[in-house]
Amino acid sequence: MKSIYLDNAATTPLIPEVIETIQSSMQSNFGNPSSTHHIGRLAKSAVETARKSIAKHFNIGAGEIIFTAGGTEADNLILFNAVSNLKVATIITSKIEHHAVLHTIDYLKKIFNIEVVFVDLDAKGNVVLSHLESLLSGYPNKTCLVSLMYVNNEIGNLLAIDEIVNLCQKHHAYFHSDAVQAIGHYQIDLKEMPIDFLAASAHKFHGPKGVGFAYFKKGHGISPMLHGGNQEKGARSSTENVHSILGMETALTTALRNLEEDTITIKEVKKYCMNSLQSAFPTIKFNGNSGDLNLSSYTILNAQFATNNSMLIFQLDMAGIAVSGGSACQSGSSQGSHVLAEILNETGSNNTSIRFSFSKLTTMADIDFLVTSLKKIIN
């Protein structure tokens, strides 16, 4: 059976360069980086070299990068520290954040009795900047954190990052961004853009699963959630995942080295997909900003079909096409997408929406096969 992969927002395939790096490390670099002998020091050196390389891509110091098991742990570590270490009393966020943020904030509210405030969104799911400023101006005597994702993982909306960073600076609020869908796909200079905290995950840019990093701006300090080993300069106990860290560094370096070329390629695929779907299904709608190449990620397209077919994802899977109805973390849930539930009206919510997400490995032929298969199923 033909296999078409259009779920790259969930995870991306490993590229050959990354596989080669991981295999090489497994064969020759087995030491524990906490060991003091020469084999351990070799592993430690490899980890620190990768850390320096990753930091350089963002124009920051190596000490501002903490390796984690992925984006979810990075978000948890950042938010936990904001409340327990920096004494944040109020978190401003949105109702369409990833659950790695929303569920963590819910937990922190129960444990620390913090205040949680949700900023207004427009009909497309964009942050209403005037409301955010109004909220920020209302907390002059509290330590406040704004947590908003750089790219929405379901509808692909790009955050108005410059404006939001400026508002946070103006009102002396911390700013955290889950940048899992942005890193490796956009050039981010953290020296020029004063973000306080940022979360990343390697498997979103053709790196291995189970590894990512948290960025803590210098001076904020870090208290660990995991205890027992004092690794990562005391910020995160647990032996470092050496092979995957090196694979992540290779994946990020490769992604950013080819960024301009890959961006053009993937944008053309997304544009072709949009046009093909609109030609085949004139009543189709694109949720959020995903139908706008300037306001959304070039890797994500969230399409709403004028039909209610709860089996559509399964039917596409049976045809050999892998897609998603929302975030991969919710794919086994019967609750549906909390993002779409927040921004769609009743008719839109009842219609079937599919998230198609692309990578540099996606081809026009893949899109042709998708549209042909959809026409057989829907028509």
Protein backbone atom coordinates (compact mmCIF):
# COMPACT_ATOMS: atom_id res chain seq x y z
CA MET A 1 0.00 0.00 0.00
CA LYS A 2 1.19 3.49 -0.83
CA SER A 3 2.15 5.47 2.29
CA ILE A 4 1.81 9.26 2.49
CA TYR A 5 2.91 11.11 5.62
CA LEU A 6 1.18 14.46 6.23
CA ASP A 7 1.45 14.70 10.02
CA ASN A 8 4.78 16.48 10.44
CA ALA A 9 3.42 18.77 13.17
CA ALA A 10 3.12 15.62 15.29
CA THR A 11 6.62 14.41 14.49
CA THR A 12 9.07 14.48 11.61
CA PRO A 13 11.09 11.61 10.13
CA LEU A 14 14.76 11.41 11.04
CA ILE A 15 17.00 12.63 8.24
CA PRO A 16 20.12 10.60 7.25
CA GLU A 17 22.55 13.10 8.82
CA VAL A 18 20.89 12.69 12.21
CA ILE A 19 20.81 8.90 12.00
CA GLU A 20 24.50 8.91 11.15
CA THR A 21 25.32 11.15 14.13
CA ILE A 22 23.35 8.98 16.54
CA GLN A 23 24.81 5.73 15.23
CA SER A 24 28.33 7.10 15.44
CA SER A 25 27.77 8.26 19.01
CA MET A 26 26.31 4.90 20.03
CA GLN A 27 29.33 3.10 18.66
CA SER A 28 32.06 5.29 20.10
CA ASN A 29 30.64 7.50 22.83
CA PHE A 30 29.06 5.29 25.49
CA GLY A 31 30.46 7.00 28.61
CA ASN A 32 28.41 8.61 31.35
CA PRO A 33 29.00 12.38 31.08
CA SER A 34 29.02 12.62 34.88
CA SER A 35 31.94 10.19 35.20
CA THR A 36 35.35 11.74 35.84
CA HIS A 37 37.42 9.25 33.87
CA HIS A 38 38.49 9.90 30.29
CA ILE A 39 35.57 7.97 28.73
CA GLY A 40 33.07 9.99 30.77
CA ARG A 41 34.87 13.22 29.95
CA LEU A 42 34.61 12.37 26.24
CA ALA A 43 30.81 12.12 26.55
CA LYS A 44 30.67 15.31 28.64
CA SER A 45 32.72 17.16 26.03
CA ALA A 46 30.36 15.99 23.27
CA VAL A 47 27.32 17.21 25.20
CA GLU A 48 28.87 20.59 25.95
CA THR A 49 30.00 21.05 22.36
CA ALA A 50 26.42 20.39 21.23
CA ARG A 51 25.12 22.84 23.83
CA LYS A 52 27.46 25.57 22.59
CA SER A 53 26.46 24.93 18.98
CA ILE A 54 22.73 25.07 19.77
CA ALA A 55 23.17 28.24 21.83
CA LYS A 56 25.11 29.90 19.03
CA HIS A 57 22.18 29.42 16.65
CA PHE A 58 20.09 31.61 18.98
CA ASN A 59 22.86 34.11 19.78
CA ILE A 60 22.86 33.21 23.49
CA GLY A 61 25.26 31.69 25.99
CA ALA A 62 25.60 27.92 26.41
CA GLY A 63 24.69 28.25 30.08
CA GLU A 64 21.19 29.41 29.10
CA ILE A 65 20.34 26.02 27.53
CA ILE A 66 19.05 23.16 29.70
CA PHE A 67 18.58 19.79 27.99
CA THR A 68 15.24 18.06 28.68
CA ALA A 69 13.25 15.05 27.51
CA GLY A 70 11.29 17.28 25.12
CA GLY A 71 9.03 20.29 24.84
CA THR A 72 6.56 19.17 27.51
CA GLU A 73 9.25 18.86 30.16
CA ALA A 74 10.76 22.17 29.05
CA ASP A 75 7.40 23.93 29.46
CA ASN A 76 6.89 22.31 32.86
CA LEU A 77 10.37 23.28 34.06
CA ILE A 78 9.94 26.87 32.91
CA LEU A 79 6.46 27.39 34.37
CA PHE A 80 7.33 25.63 37.63
CA ASN A 81 10.36 27.88 38.04
CA ALA A 82 8.43 31.01 37.21
CA VAL A 83 6.06 30.35 40.10
CA SER A 84 8.26 28.63 42.68
CA ASN A 85 11.55 30.43 42.03
CA LEU A 86 10.65 33.83 40.55
CA LYS A 87 7.47 34.16 42.62
CA VAL A 88 5.15 34.78 39.67
CA ALA A 89 1.66 35.32 41.07
CA THR A 90 -0.27 35.79 37.82
CA ILE A 91 -0.02 33.91 34.53
CA ILE A 92 -1.66 35.35 31.43
CA THR A 93 -2.18 32.82 28.67
CA SER A 94 -4.75 31.80 26.03
CA LYS A 95 -7.25 28.97 25.85
CA ILE A 96 -5.66 27.56 22.68
CA GLU A 97 -2.21 26.80 24.10
CA HIS A 98 -0.78 23.28 24.01
CA HIS A 99 -1.86 21.15 26.96
CA ALA A 100 1.79 21.02 28.04
CA VAL A 101 1.17 24.62 29.08
CA LEU A 102 -2.54 24.63 30.00
CA HIS A 103 -2.45 21.50 32.15
CA THR A 104 0.75 22.62 33.86
CA ILE A 105 -0.78 25.99 34.68
CA ASP A 106 -3.88 24.23 36.07
CA TYR A 107 -1.62 22.18 38.34
CA LEU A 108 0.34 25.23 39.50
CA LYS A 109 -2.91 27.04 40.26
CA LYS A 110 -3.98 24.20 42.56
CA ILE A 111 -0.62 23.90 44.30
CA PHE A 112 0.45 27.55 44.56
CA ASN A 113 -2.92 29.32 44.31
CA ILE A 114 -1.72 31.56 41.49
CA GLU A 115 -4.07 33.67 39.42
CA VAL A 116 -4.65 32.53 35.83
CA VAL A 117 -6.08 34.98 33.29
CA PHE A 118 -6.98 34.25 29.68
CA VAL A 119 -6.39 36.86 27.01
CA ASP A 120 -9.11 37.42 24.41
CA LEU A 121 -8.75 35.91 20.94
CA ASP A 122 -10.29 37.09 17.70
CA ALA A 123 -12.35 34.85 15.40
CA LYS A 124 -9.18 33.48 13.80
CA GLY A 125 -7.51 32.64 17.10
CA ASN A 126 -5.16 35.63 17.21
CA VAL A 127 -4.33 37.34 20.50
CA VAL A 128 -6.19 40.63 20.91
CA LEU A 129 -3.24 42.89 21.69
CA SER A 130 -5.33 45.67 23.19
CA HIS A 131 -6.80 43.22 25.70
CA LEU A 132 -3.36 41.86 26.56
CA GLU A 133 -2.13 45.38 27.27
CA SER A 134 -5.19 46.06 29.38
CA LEU A 135 -4.52 42.91 31.40
CA LEU A 136 -0.83 43.71 31.87
CA SER A 137 -1.60 47.26 33.03
CA GLY A 138 -3.85 45.81 35.72
CA TYR A 139 -1.03 44.05 37.57
CA PRO A 140 1.42 46.77 38.56
CA ASN A 141 2.19 45.28 41.95
CA LYS A 142 2.36 41.61 41.00
CA THR A 143 4.98 39.53 39.31
CA CYS A 144 3.34 38.45 36.04
CA LEU A 145 4.21 35.93 33.33
CA VAL A 146 2.74 35.85 29.82
CA SER A 147 2.79 32.38 28.22
CA LEU A 148 1.85 32.23 24.52
CA MET A 149 3.00 29.80 21.86
CA TYR A 150 5.13 30.99 18.97
CA VAL A 151 3.24 28.88 16.41
CA ASN A 152 -0.06 27.20 17.24
CA ASN A 153 0.37 23.48 16.71
CA GLU A 154 -3.16 22.91 15.39
CA ILE A 155 -4.04 25.94 13.26
CA GLY A 156 -0.54 27.22 12.56
CA ASN A 157 -1.16 30.81 13.65
CA LEU A 158 2.01 32.86 14.00
CA LEU A 159 2.13 34.87 17.21
CA ALA A 160 2.58 38.62 16.89
CA ILE A 161 5.83 38.01 18.72
CA ASP A 162 7.44 41.44 18.40
CA GLU A 163 4.39 43.29 19.64
CA ILE A 164 3.87 40.91 22.55
CA VAL A 165 7.51 41.02 23.64
CA ASN A 166 7.34 44.82 23.59
CA LEU A 167 4.18 44.82 25.72
CA CYS A 168 5.77 42.48 28.26
CA GLN A 169 8.85 44.69 28.48
CA LYS A 170 6.72 47.82 28.81
CA HIS A 171 4.82 46.34 31.75
CA HIS A 172 7.79 44.49 33.29
CA ALA A 173 6.27 41.04 32.78
CA TYR A 174 8.14 37.83 32.05
CA PHE A 175 7.45 36.20 28.68
CA HIS A 176 7.50 32.45 27.96
CA SER A 177 6.85 30.91 24.57
CA ASP A 178 6.31 27.28 23.67
CA ALA A 179 8.30 27.46 20.42
CA VAL A 180 8.13 23.75 19.59
CA GLN A 181 6.56 24.35 16.17
CA ALA A 182 8.83 27.31 15.37
CA ILE A 183 12.37 26.18 16.17
CA GLY A 184 14.09 24.73 13.12
CA HIS A 185 11.54 26.48 10.90
CA TYR A 186 12.26 30.12 11.71
CA GLN A 187 15.41 32.04 12.53
CA ILE A 188 15.17 33.20 16.15
CA ASP A 189 17.72 35.59 17.64
CA LEU A 190 17.17 35.65 21.40
CA LYS A 191 19.60 38.50 21.87
CA GLU A 192 17.61 40.75 19.53
CA MET A 193 14.24 39.40 20.73
CA PRO A 194 14.25 39.49 24.55
CA ILE A 195 12.21 36.40 25.35
CA ASP A 196 12.71 35.18 28.93
CA PHE A 197 11.89 31.49 28.46
CA LEU A 198 11.48 29.21 25.47
CA ALA A 199 10.73 25.48 24.95
CA ALA A 200 11.95 23.27 22.09
CA SER A 201 11.63 19.65 20.98
CA ALA A 202 13.98 17.95 18.53
CA HIS A 203 11.48 15.67 16.83
CA LYS A 204 9.68 18.64 15.28
CA PHE A 205 12.68 19.45 13.07
CA HIS A 206 13.80 15.97 11.95
CA GLY A 207 15.62 15.16 15.17
CA PRO A 208 15.10 12.26 17.60
CA LYS A 209 12.14 11.93 19.97
CA GLY A 210 12.62 12.21 23.70
CA VAL A 211 14.99 15.17 23.70
CA GLY A 212 14.58 18.94 23.70
CA PHE A 213 15.70 21.97 25.65
CA ALA A 214 14.54 24.85 27.79
CA TYR A 215 15.98 28.32 27.38
CA PHE A 216 16.31 30.37 30.56
CA LYS A 217 17.50 33.92 30.03
CA LYS A 218 20.67 34.55 32.01
CA GLY A 219 20.01 35.80 35.51
CA HIS A 220 16.66 34.12 36.12
CA GLY A 221 18.06 31.11 37.97
CA ILE A 222 16.73 27.56 37.84
CA SER A 223 15.44 25.22 40.53
CA PRO A 224 15.11 21.55 39.47
CA MET A 225 11.89 19.54 39.32
CA LEU A 226 13.87 16.30 39.13
CA HIS A 227 16.22 15.57 42.00
CA GLY A 228 18.95 13.04 42.67
CA GLY A 229 21.85 13.56 40.30
CA ASN A 230 22.65 17.26 40.02
CA GLN A 231 23.15 17.05 36.23
CA GLU A 232 22.71 20.05 33.92
CA LYS A 233 24.47 22.26 36.46
CA GLY A 234 21.93 21.25 39.07
CA ALA A 235 18.94 22.30 36.95
CA ARG A 236 17.81 18.86 35.81
CA SER A 237 18.85 15.59 37.44
CA SER A 238 19.10 12.48 35.22
CA THR A 239 21.95 11.26 33.04
CA GLU A 240 21.97 13.23 29.80
CA ASN A 241 20.63 11.50 26.70
CA VAL A 242 23.98 11.91 24.95
CA HIS A 243 23.20 10.31 21.58
CA SER A 244 19.91 12.16 21.17
CA ILE A 245 21.42 15.48 22.23
CA LEU A 246 24.04 15.12 19.52
CA GLY A 247 21.32 14.11 17.06
CA MET A 248 19.30 17.17 18.01
CA GLU A 249 22.27 19.45 17.40
CA THR A 250 22.80 17.91 13.94
CA ALA A 251 19.10 18.25 13.12
CA LEU A 252 18.99 21.91 14.17
CA THR A 253 22.21 22.82 12.38
CA THR A 254 20.98 21.12 9.20
CA ALA A 255 17.55 22.77 9.42
CA LEU A 256 18.95 26.27 9.87
CA ARG A 257 21.66 25.81 7.24
CA ASN A 258 18.99 24.89 4.66
CA LEU A 259 16.27 27.13 6.07
CA GLU A 260 15.79 29.47 3.13
CA GLU A 261 15.66 26.70 0.53
CA ASP A 262 13.43 24.43 2.63
CA THR A 263 11.03 27.26 3.46
CA ILE A 264 10.47 28.00 -0.23
CA THR A 265 9.97 24.31 -1.01
CA ILE A 266 7.48 23.66 1.79
CA LYS A 267 5.56 26.89 1.11
CA GLU A 268 5.04 25.76 -2.48
CA VAL A 269 3.73 22.40 -1.26
CA LYS A 270 1.32 24.09 1.15
CA LYS A 271 0.12 26.51 -1.52
CA TYR A 272 -0.39 23.61 -3.94
CA CYS A 273 -2.34 21.71 -1.29
CA MET A 274 -4.58 24.71 -0.59
CA ASN A 275 -5.31 25.27 -4.27
CA SER A 276 -5.91 21.58 -4.94
CA LEU A 277 -8.29 21.24 -2.02
CA GLN A 278 -10.21 24.38 -2.98
CA SER A 279 -10.54 23.14 -6.55
CA ALA A 280 -11.83 19.73 -5.45
CA PHE A 281 -13.99 21.02 -2.59
CA PRO A 282 -15.26 24.57 -3.28
CA THR A 283 -16.95 24.81 0.14
CA ILE A 284 -13.78 24.02 2.10
CA LYS A 285 -12.58 26.46 4.76
CA PHE A 286 -9.19 26.82 6.39
CA ASN A 287 -9.30 27.23 10.14
CA GLY A 288 -7.51 30.02 11.97
CA ASN A 289 -4.87 31.75 9.87
CA SER A 290 -3.74 28.50 8.28
CA GLY A 291 -4.99 29.53 4.85
CA ASP A 292 -2.83 32.67 4.90
CA LEU A 293 0.80 32.03 3.96
CA ASN A 294 1.90 35.24 5.66
CA LEU A 295 0.08 34.81 8.97
CA SER A 296 0.56 31.10 9.56
CA SER A 297 3.31 28.53 9.62
CA TYR A 298 4.23 27.23 6.18
CA THR A 299 4.16 23.70 7.62
CA ILE A 300 0.52 23.57 8.85
CA LEU A 301 -2.83 23.67 7.07
CA ASN A 302 -6.04 23.03 9.04
CA ALA A 303 -8.90 22.33 6.64
CA GLN A 304 -12.61 22.25 7.48
CA PHE A 305 -14.80 20.16 5.17
CA ALA A 306 -18.52 20.86 4.79
CA THR A 307 -19.36 17.42 6.13
CA ASN A 308 -19.56 15.58 9.42
CA ASN A 309 -17.55 12.41 9.02
CA SER A 310 -16.08 11.13 12.27
CA MET A 311 -14.33 8.33 10.35
CA LEU A 312 -12.47 10.55 7.88
CA ILE A 313 -9.06 10.31 9.56
CA PHE A 314 -9.47 6.54 9.84
CA GLN A 315 -10.55 6.28 6.20
CA LEU A 316 -7.52 8.27 5.09
CA ASP A 317 -5.32 6.03 7.21
CA MET A 318 -6.80 2.99 5.49
CA ALA A 319 -5.89 4.64 2.19
CA GLY A 320 -2.29 4.98 3.41
CA ILE A 321 -2.42 8.67 4.36
CA ALA A 322 -1.36 9.80 7.84
CA VAL A 323 -3.00 13.02 9.05
CA SER A 324 -4.35 14.42 12.31
CA GLY A 325 -7.52 16.02 13.60
CA GLY A 326 -5.57 18.11 16.12
CA SER A 327 -2.42 17.70 18.15
CA ALA A 328 -0.86 14.25 18.21
CA CYS A 329 -1.14 14.27 22.00
CA GLN A 330 -4.93 14.24 21.62
CA SER A 331 -5.25 11.90 18.65
CA GLY A 332 -6.58 9.08 20.84
CA SER A 333 -9.04 11.35 22.63
CA SER A 334 -12.75 11.49 21.95
CA GLN A 335 -12.95 15.05 23.25
CA GLY A 336 -11.92 16.70 20.01
CA SER A 337 -9.75 19.77 19.57
CA HIS A 338 -9.88 22.37 22.35
CA VAL A 339 -8.36 24.85 19.88
CA LEU A 340 -11.10 24.46 17.27
CA ALA A 341 -13.79 24.36 19.96
CA GLU A 342 -12.60 27.79 21.10
CA ILE A 343 -12.56 29.56 17.72
CA LEU A 344 -15.26 27.88 15.58
CA ASN A 345 -19.00 28.50 15.63
CA GLU A 346 -21.47 25.63 16.06
CA THR A 347 -21.58 24.80 12.35
CA GLY A 348 -17.82 24.83 12.06
CA SER A 349 -17.44 22.69 15.17
CA ASN A 350 -19.82 20.10 13.76
CA ASN A 351 -17.94 19.90 10.46
CA THR A 352 -14.92 17.63 10.13
CA SER A 353 -11.54 19.35 10.27
CA ILE A 354 -8.20 17.79 9.33
CA ARG A 355 -4.71 19.07 10.06
CA PHE A 356 -2.30 18.51 7.20
CA SER A 357 1.32 19.28 8.06
CA PHE A 358 4.27 19.26 5.72
CA SER A 359 8.05 18.91 5.68
CA LYS A 360 10.81 19.18 3.12
CA LEU A 361 10.15 15.50 2.37
CA THR A 362 6.55 16.15 1.26
CA THR A 363 6.00 16.14 -2.51
CA MET A 364 3.38 17.46 -4.91
CA ALA A 365 2.63 13.83 -5.79
CA ASP A 366 1.75 13.26 -2.13
CA ILE A 367 -0.80 16.08 -2.35
CA ASP A 368 -2.27 14.67 -5.57
CA PHE A 369 -2.74 11.29 -3.91
CA LEU A 370 -4.34 12.97 -0.88
CA VAL A 371 -6.88 14.92 -2.95
CA THR A 372 -7.73 11.92 -5.12
CA SER A 373 -8.33 9.83 -2.00
CA LEU A 374 -10.44 12.53 -0.35
CA LYS A 375 -12.63 12.84 -3.42
CA LYS A 376 -13.30 9.10 -3.32
CA ILE A 377 -14.20 9.24 0.37
CA ILE A 378 -16.21 12.48 0.53
CA ASN A 379 -17.83 12.47 -2.89
